[in-house]
Amino acid sequence: MTPPTPRVAFMTDAPRVAGSEVWLLDVLPLLPAHGLNPTVFLPRGEGLDELARRFGEAGVPARRYDDLKAITADLNSFDLRVVQAWDPGTYRALDTLRAPRVAVVHDQLDYHYPAGLKGWYRQVYRATKLGGLRRADSVVTVSQWGQAFLQGTMGLPRVGGLTNGVNPDCYQPAPPAGRAALRARLGFSGFTVLVPGRFAPEKNQLAAVRAARHAPDLNFVFAGDMDSSVGSAARTLTRALRLRNVTFLGRRWDLPDLYRAADALLQPTLAENQSLVTLEAMASGLPVVTTPIPAQAELIRDGVDGLLVPPAPHLLARALRAMAAHPDRTAQFGVQARQRVLERHTLTGTAAQVAALLRSCLPD
């Protein structure tokens, strides 16, 4: 008889959609092709309703919950439990779950703030999430840098690493005629800089707003959930500086179109693990300007796929204006970026890595 397909429960405590939830939506539908049967458990709340609907469309059952304790028995009925936690306290639930229990870490891990704050954050992470991660039977993270950081700097033994990937058929450059029509529909004009991502301190959107002040000839389009103090601050700063070249779109589900229509991606981030936004832009043939933090330098080769620039607003603006002034070189960045994704960071490759790691955790 053919053995039954292992059932894998993925549980997240996310209050809203961010990169780690997009990762689940991308990867889980591909796991049945690798002999795994996934189900995702999501908190009940309006912020995740659309995500749950999209899981259903992709053929992945999405179960909603109000309280972790109420789903313990359900989780324990699966062959393998995989936890993605925003709240360090969620890791306490691992004590009530039977083995094997896997923690998948998308955390930025290291914040590249000024030296004092950087050290403080490391201590906080050790005191909160690191202790929780030790409760898992296996830990997996989504970059080679993150794997080395958790094992070396944080002293966590036996961390598995994989590379993030995106679907190059979904994220791909638009043909010239299609791109012109897309830009017209979206209202893009001139050299358009896309700044995607939820508004949070580590995403550093305030530096992007200030960069817009140094580049009044470029147009800056922000796409991301603004329901935060950083989002409010970005709007306030834009008004205070009287910037007419800044647009806020809010949360969008049409990012592939935005990537195709933009001329460059700006990501002045202070913390990443392995950024899906960066990979999506690269696959779309969109040149990237981002910061030289380790996780970004793992993806972008300075002067080859894009530009690695310190997050000073005037330096970011200078790099973007140089891209606008040299369109042939800028276009070549996009070509090289897409090729790098095709070679190293496809979604099918990521799904295969995930499946192999999960299978290694299943009992014999």
Protein backbone atom coordinates (compact mmCIF):
# COMPACT_ATOMS: atom_id res chain seq x y z
CA MET A 1 0.00 0.00 0.00
CA THR A 2 1.08 3.55 -0.69
CA PRO A 3 1.79 5.34 2.62
CA PRO A 4 -0.51 8.30 3.37
CA THR A 5 0.71 11.76 2.44
CA PRO A 6 2.14 13.48 5.52
CA ARG A 7 -0.13 16.23 6.84
CA VAL A 8 1.71 19.41 7.83
CA ALA A 9 0.15 22.18 9.93
CA PHE A 10 1.54 25.69 9.45
CA MET A 11 0.57 28.11 12.19
CA THR A 12 1.19 31.87 12.24
CA ASP A 13 0.18 34.44 14.84
CA ALA A 14 0.46 37.32 12.35
CA PRO A 15 -2.01 40.17 13.02
CA ARG A 16 -1.71 41.34 9.40
CA VAL A 17 -0.10 40.41 6.11
CA ALA A 18 3.67 40.90 5.83
CA GLY A 19 6.48 39.16 3.97
CA SER A 20 6.35 36.00 6.09
CA GLU A 21 2.65 35.49 5.27
CA VAL A 22 3.23 36.17 1.56
CA TRP A 23 5.94 33.50 1.77
CA LEU A 24 3.41 31.00 3.11
CA LEU A 25 0.95 31.91 0.36
CA ASP A 26 3.64 31.37 -2.27
CA VAL A 27 5.20 28.18 -0.93
CA LEU A 28 2.39 26.10 0.56
CA PRO A 29 0.45 25.49 -2.70
CA LEU A 30 3.60 23.92 -4.19
CA LEU A 31 4.17 21.39 -1.38
CA PRO A 32 1.64 18.74 -2.57
CA ALA A 33 3.87 18.23 -5.63
CA HIS A 34 6.57 17.18 -3.15
CA GLY A 35 4.34 14.73 -1.30
CA LEU A 36 3.24 16.98 1.58
CA ASN A 37 -0.33 17.99 2.47
CA PRO A 38 -0.34 21.49 4.05
CA THR A 39 -2.99 23.30 6.11
CA VAL A 40 -2.51 26.83 7.42
CA PHE A 41 -3.85 28.19 10.72
CA LEU A 42 -4.45 31.96 10.78
CA PRO A 43 -5.70 34.25 13.56
CA ARG A 44 -9.23 35.45 13.08
CA GLY A 45 -9.28 39.10 12.04
CA GLU A 46 -10.16 41.40 9.18
CA GLY A 47 -6.47 42.00 8.37
CA LEU A 48 -6.08 38.36 7.30
CA ASP A 49 -9.42 37.76 5.60
CA GLU A 50 -8.09 38.39 2.09
CA LEU A 51 -5.07 36.16 2.79
CA ALA A 52 -7.36 33.34 3.94
CA ARG A 53 -9.45 33.72 0.80
CA ARG A 54 -6.36 33.50 -1.40
CA PHE A 55 -5.19 30.35 0.39
CA GLY A 56 -8.55 28.80 -0.41
CA GLU A 57 -8.23 29.76 -4.07
CA ALA A 58 -4.78 28.14 -4.12
CA GLY A 59 -6.17 24.88 -2.73
CA VAL A 60 -4.66 25.20 0.77
CA PRO A 61 -7.18 24.85 3.63
CA ALA A 62 -7.08 27.91 5.92
CA ARG A 63 -8.41 27.43 9.43
CA ARG A 64 -9.05 30.51 11.58
CA TYR A 65 -8.60 30.67 15.34
CA ASP A 66 -9.16 33.07 18.23
CA ASP A 67 -7.01 31.36 20.84
CA LEU A 68 -3.95 29.13 20.41
CA LYS A 69 -5.05 26.85 23.24
CA ALA A 70 -8.25 26.07 21.37
CA ILE A 71 -6.41 24.59 18.39
CA THR A 72 -3.77 22.56 20.27
CA ALA A 73 -5.58 19.24 19.78
CA ASP A 74 -6.15 20.03 16.11
CA LEU A 75 -2.48 20.88 15.56
CA ASN A 76 -1.42 17.70 17.35
CA SER A 77 -3.48 15.60 14.92
CA PHE A 78 -1.04 16.48 12.11
CA ASP A 79 2.18 14.64 11.32
CA LEU A 80 4.31 17.80 11.62
CA ARG A 81 3.77 21.26 13.14
CA VAL A 82 5.44 24.38 11.70
CA VAL A 83 5.26 27.65 13.64
CA GLN A 84 5.94 31.19 12.43
CA ALA A 85 5.78 33.61 15.35
CA TRP A 86 5.61 37.38 15.48
CA ASP A 87 5.02 37.41 19.26
CA PRO A 88 7.78 35.75 21.32
CA GLY A 89 5.09 34.42 23.64
CA THR A 90 3.71 32.27 20.83
CA TYR A 91 6.69 29.96 21.20
CA ARG A 92 5.32 28.89 24.57
CA ALA A 93 2.68 27.00 22.59
CA LEU A 94 5.43 24.66 21.40
CA ASP A 95 5.46 23.12 24.88
CA THR A 96 1.88 21.92 24.36
CA LEU A 97 2.50 20.55 20.87
CA ARG A 98 3.85 17.10 20.24
CA ALA A 99 7.07 16.58 18.32
CA PRO A 100 8.21 17.16 15.67
CA ARG A 101 7.87 20.96 15.91
CA VAL A 102 9.62 23.26 13.45
CA ALA A 103 10.10 27.01 13.81
CA VAL A 104 10.54 28.97 10.57
CA VAL A 105 12.30 32.27 11.25
CA HIS A 106 11.68 35.25 8.98
CA ASP A 107 12.78 37.76 11.62
CA GLN A 108 15.19 40.49 10.55
CA LEU A 109 17.40 39.26 13.43
CA ASP A 110 19.86 42.19 13.41
CA TYR A 111 18.88 45.87 13.21
CA HIS A 112 21.48 48.13 11.67
CA TYR A 113 20.68 51.13 13.81
CA PRO A 114 23.43 53.19 15.46
CA ALA A 115 25.78 51.07 17.57
CA GLY A 116 24.01 51.42 20.92
CA LEU A 117 20.58 50.52 19.58
CA LYS A 118 22.03 47.66 17.55
CA GLY A 119 23.51 46.07 20.67
CA TRP A 120 20.35 46.70 22.64
CA TYR A 121 18.23 44.95 20.03
CA ARG A 122 20.49 41.89 20.08
CA GLN A 123 20.08 41.63 23.84
CA VAL A 124 16.30 41.95 23.54
CA TYR A 125 16.20 39.24 20.87
CA ARG A 126 18.28 36.90 23.05
CA ALA A 127 15.97 37.51 26.01
CA THR A 128 12.74 36.99 24.06
CA LYS A 129 12.62 35.05 20.82
CA LEU A 130 15.89 33.17 21.14
CA GLY A 131 14.70 31.43 24.28
CA GLY A 132 11.49 30.48 22.50
CA LEU A 133 13.32 29.11 19.48
CA ARG A 134 15.15 26.66 21.73
CA ARG A 135 11.78 25.00 22.41
CA ALA A 136 11.53 23.87 18.77
CA ASP A 137 12.82 20.51 17.60
CA SER A 138 14.18 22.15 14.45
CA VAL A 139 14.77 25.75 13.38
CA VAL A 140 14.84 26.94 9.77
CA THR A 141 15.56 30.43 8.47
CA VAL A 142 15.34 31.96 5.02
CA SER A 143 18.87 33.12 4.19
CA GLN A 144 22.43 31.90 4.44
CA TRP A 145 23.29 35.05 6.37
CA GLY A 146 20.43 34.40 8.83
CA GLN A 147 21.57 30.82 9.35
CA ALA A 148 25.13 31.94 10.12
CA PHE A 149 23.88 34.72 12.41
CA LEU A 150 21.63 32.45 14.49
CA GLN A 151 24.31 29.79 14.81
CA GLY A 152 27.32 32.06 15.28
CA THR A 153 26.29 35.35 16.88
CA MET A 154 23.24 33.98 18.72
CA GLY A 155 24.66 30.54 19.54
CA LEU A 156 21.61 28.56 18.43
CA PRO A 157 22.62 25.02 17.42
CA ARG A 158 21.46 23.18 14.33
CA VAL A 159 19.81 25.89 12.26
CA GLY A 160 18.70 24.93 8.76
CA GLY A 161 18.99 27.52 6.00
CA LEU A 162 17.23 27.95 2.69
CA THR A 163 16.99 30.65 0.05
CA ASN A 164 13.86 32.65 -0.60
CA GLY A 165 12.43 32.54 -4.09
CA VAL A 166 9.75 34.14 -6.24
CA ASN A 167 7.73 33.08 -9.26
CA PRO A 168 9.49 34.53 -12.34
CA ASP A 169 6.34 33.99 -14.39
CA CYS A 170 4.33 36.19 -12.04
CA TYR A 171 7.13 38.72 -11.58
CA GLN A 172 8.56 39.50 -14.98
CA PRO A 173 9.24 42.59 -17.09
CA ALA A 174 6.41 43.97 -19.20
CA PRO A 175 6.85 44.34 -22.96
CA PRO A 176 7.35 48.01 -23.99
CA ALA A 177 3.84 48.52 -25.33
CA GLY A 178 2.24 46.81 -22.35
CA ARG A 179 4.40 48.80 -19.97
CA ALA A 180 3.35 52.11 -21.51
CA ALA A 181 -0.32 51.18 -21.13
CA LEU A 182 0.27 50.01 -17.56
CA ARG A 183 2.00 53.26 -16.61
CA ALA A 184 -0.85 55.24 -18.11
CA ARG A 185 -3.43 53.23 -16.13
CA LEU A 186 -1.50 53.69 -12.88
CA GLY A 187 -0.82 57.36 -13.53
CA PHE A 188 2.97 56.98 -13.51
CA SER A 189 4.95 59.68 -15.28
CA GLY A 190 8.62 60.59 -15.43
CA PHE A 191 11.23 58.47 -13.66
CA THR A 192 9.15 56.61 -11.06
CA VAL A 193 10.71 55.19 -7.90
CA LEU A 194 8.68 52.46 -6.16
CA VAL A 195 9.03 52.13 -2.37
CA PRO A 196 7.03 49.04 -1.27
CA GLY A 197 6.63 47.56 2.19
CA ARG A 198 4.71 48.00 5.42
CA PHE A 199 5.55 51.20 7.25
CA ALA A 200 7.82 50.25 10.14
CA PRO A 201 10.99 51.72 11.71
CA GLU A 202 13.28 49.11 10.17
CA LYS A 203 11.88 49.71 6.68
CA ASN A 204 13.07 53.30 7.00
CA GLN A 205 10.47 54.95 4.77
CA LEU A 206 11.16 58.33 6.38
CA ALA A 207 14.60 58.27 4.72
CA ALA A 208 12.87 57.62 1.40
CA VAL A 209 10.58 60.61 1.94
CA ARG A 210 13.61 62.77 2.70
CA ALA A 211 15.36 61.38 -0.39
CA ALA A 212 12.40 62.65 -2.43
CA ARG A 213 13.22 66.15 -1.22
CA HIS A 214 16.74 65.79 -2.68
CA ALA A 215 15.36 64.51 -6.01
CA PRO A 216 12.42 66.76 -6.95
CA ASP A 217 12.73 65.65 -10.59
CA LEU A 218 11.85 62.03 -9.68
CA ASN A 219 8.48 60.64 -8.58
CA PHE A 220 8.30 58.47 -5.44
CA VAL A 221 5.40 56.00 -5.07
CA PHE A 222 4.94 54.25 -1.70
CA ALA A 223 2.93 51.01 -1.56
CA GLY A 224 2.29 49.41 1.82
CA ASP A 225 0.12 49.28 4.91
CA MET A 226 0.26 52.74 6.54
CA ASP A 227 -1.72 51.84 9.67
CA SER A 228 1.16 52.63 12.03
CA SER A 229 2.92 55.56 13.67
CA VAL A 230 5.57 55.41 10.94
CA GLY A 231 2.89 55.67 8.27
CA SER A 232 1.40 58.72 9.99
CA ALA A 233 4.86 60.25 10.37
CA ALA A 234 5.58 59.73 6.66
CA ARG A 235 2.42 61.57 5.67
CA THR A 236 3.15 64.37 8.13
CA LEU A 237 6.74 64.74 6.91
CA THR A 238 5.57 64.84 3.28
CA ARG A 239 3.18 67.67 4.09
CA ALA A 240 5.76 69.53 6.18
CA LEU A 241 8.31 69.39 3.34
CA ARG A 242 5.60 70.32 0.80
CA LEU A 243 6.63 67.49 -1.47
CA ARG A 244 4.67 67.19 -4.68
CA ASN A 245 6.61 64.18 -5.98
CA VAL A 246 5.40 61.70 -3.32
CA THR A 247 2.33 59.44 -3.61
CA PHE A 248 1.01 56.99 -1.01
CA LEU A 249 -1.00 54.07 -2.45
CA GLY A 250 -1.57 52.11 0.77
CA ARG A 251 -1.75 48.31 0.88
CA ARG A 252 -1.81 46.82 -2.66
CA TRP A 253 -2.27 43.32 -4.03
CA ASP A 254 -1.16 44.33 -7.55
CA LEU A 255 2.56 44.60 -6.82
CA PRO A 256 3.55 42.72 -10.00
CA ASP A 257 2.00 45.54 -12.03
CA LEU A 258 3.66 48.19 -9.88
CA TYR A 259 7.07 46.58 -10.38
CA ARG A 260 6.54 46.40 -14.15
CA ALA A 261 5.49 50.04 -14.36
CA ALA A 262 8.18 51.59 -12.13
CA ASP A 263 11.69 52.60 -13.20
CA ALA A 264 13.56 51.72 -9.99
CA LEU A 265 12.98 50.21 -6.56
CA LEU A 266 14.15 52.04 -3.45
CA GLN A 267 14.53 49.98 -0.28
CA PRO A 268 16.40 51.99 2.40
CA THR A 269 15.96 49.15 4.88
CA LEU A 270 17.82 48.86 8.18
CA ALA A 271 16.95 45.18 8.75
CA GLU A 272 16.10 42.21 6.54
CA ASN A 273 16.51 38.45 6.53
CA GLN A 274 16.01 37.73 2.85
CA SER A 275 13.69 40.26 1.31
CA LEU A 276 10.86 39.08 -0.92
CA VAL A 277 10.34 42.66 -2.09
CA THR A 278 13.91 42.78 -3.37
CA LEU A 279 13.55 39.42 -5.14
CA GLU A 280 10.18 40.35 -6.65
CA ALA A 281 11.66 43.56 -8.05
CA MET A 282 14.72 41.72 -9.38
CA ALA A 283 12.56 39.10 -11.10
CA SER A 284 10.56 41.96 -12.66
CA GLY A 285 13.74 43.39 -14.17
CA LEU A 286 13.47 46.43 -11.90
CA PRO A 287 16.80 48.03 -10.87
CA VAL A 288 17.23 48.16 -7.09
CA VAL A 289 18.76 50.78 -4.81
CA THR A 290 19.08 49.39 -1.30
CA THR A 291 21.33 49.44 1.74
CA PRO A 292 24.56 47.43 2.12
CA ILE A 293 23.36 45.41 5.14
CA PRO A 294 24.39 41.71 5.01
CA ALA A 295 21.03 40.30 3.91
CA GLN A 296 20.75 42.77 1.03
CA ALA A 297 24.36 42.29 -0.04
CA GLU A 298 23.54 38.57 -0.27
CA LEU A 299 21.06 39.42 -3.06
CA ILE A 300 22.34 42.56 -4.78
CA ARG A 301 25.82 42.77 -6.26
CA ASP A 302 26.74 46.44 -6.16
CA GLY A 303 27.13 47.82 -9.67
CA VAL A 304 25.90 44.56 -11.24
CA ASP A 305 22.28 43.95 -10.18
CA GLY A 306 21.72 47.35 -8.60
CA LEU A 307 23.33 49.76 -6.15
CA LEU A 308 24.14 49.30 -2.46
CA VAL A 309 23.98 52.72 -0.82
CA PRO A 310 24.15 53.85 2.84
CA PRO A 311 20.70 55.01 4.00
CA ALA A 312 21.52 58.74 4.03
CA PRO A 313 18.73 60.51 2.09
CA HIS A 314 21.08 62.59 -0.07
CA LEU A 315 23.09 59.48 -1.05
CA LEU A 316 19.95 57.54 -1.92
CA ALA A 317 18.74 60.45 -4.04
CA ARG A 318 22.11 60.73 -5.77
CA ALA A 319 22.03 57.02 -6.69
CA LEU A 320 18.49 57.25 -8.06
CA ARG A 321 19.26 60.35 -10.08
CA ALA A 322 22.29 58.58 -11.53
CA MET A 323 20.02 55.73 -12.61
CA ALA A 324 17.64 58.19 -14.24
CA ALA A 325 20.54 59.88 -16.05
CA HIS A 326 22.01 56.63 -17.42
CA PRO A 327 19.06 54.55 -18.71
CA ASP A 328 21.15 52.02 -20.64
CA ARG A 329 23.25 51.10 -17.59
CA THR A 330 20.14 51.08 -15.43
CA ALA A 331 18.36 48.72 -17.83
CA GLN A 332 21.35 46.38 -17.66
CA PHE A 333 21.00 46.27 -13.85
CA GLY A 334 17.47 44.97 -14.37
CA VAL A 335 18.56 42.32 -16.87
CA GLN A 336 21.28 41.05 -14.52
CA ALA A 337 18.90 41.11 -11.55
CA ARG A 338 16.32 38.92 -13.28
CA GLN A 339 19.00 36.48 -14.41
CA ARG A 340 20.24 36.14 -10.83
CA VAL A 341 16.72 35.25 -9.68
CA LEU A 342 16.37 32.68 -12.45
CA GLU A 343 19.65 31.09 -11.42
CA ARG A 344 19.32 31.19 -7.62
CA HIS A 345 15.95 32.34 -6.31
CA THR A 346 12.97 30.71 -8.03
CA LEU A 347 9.89 29.80 -6.04
CA THR A 348 10.02 26.20 -7.26
CA GLY A 349 13.56 25.97 -5.91
CA THR A 350 12.47 27.34 -2.54
CA ALA A 351 9.54 24.93 -2.33
CA ALA A 352 11.85 22.00 -3.03
CA GLN A 353 14.19 23.15 -0.25
CA VAL A 354 11.29 23.57 2.18
CA ALA A 355 9.90 20.13 1.37
CA ALA A 356 13.29 18.48 1.84
CA LEU A 357 13.82 20.18 5.21
CA LEU A 358 10.35 19.26 6.43
CA ARG A 359 10.69 15.65 5.29
CA SER A 360 13.95 15.40 7.22
CA CYS A 361 11.99 16.36 10.38
CA LEU A 362 9.29 13.72 9.98
CA PRO A 363 9.61 10.60 12.13
CA ASP A 364 10.73 7.45 10.34
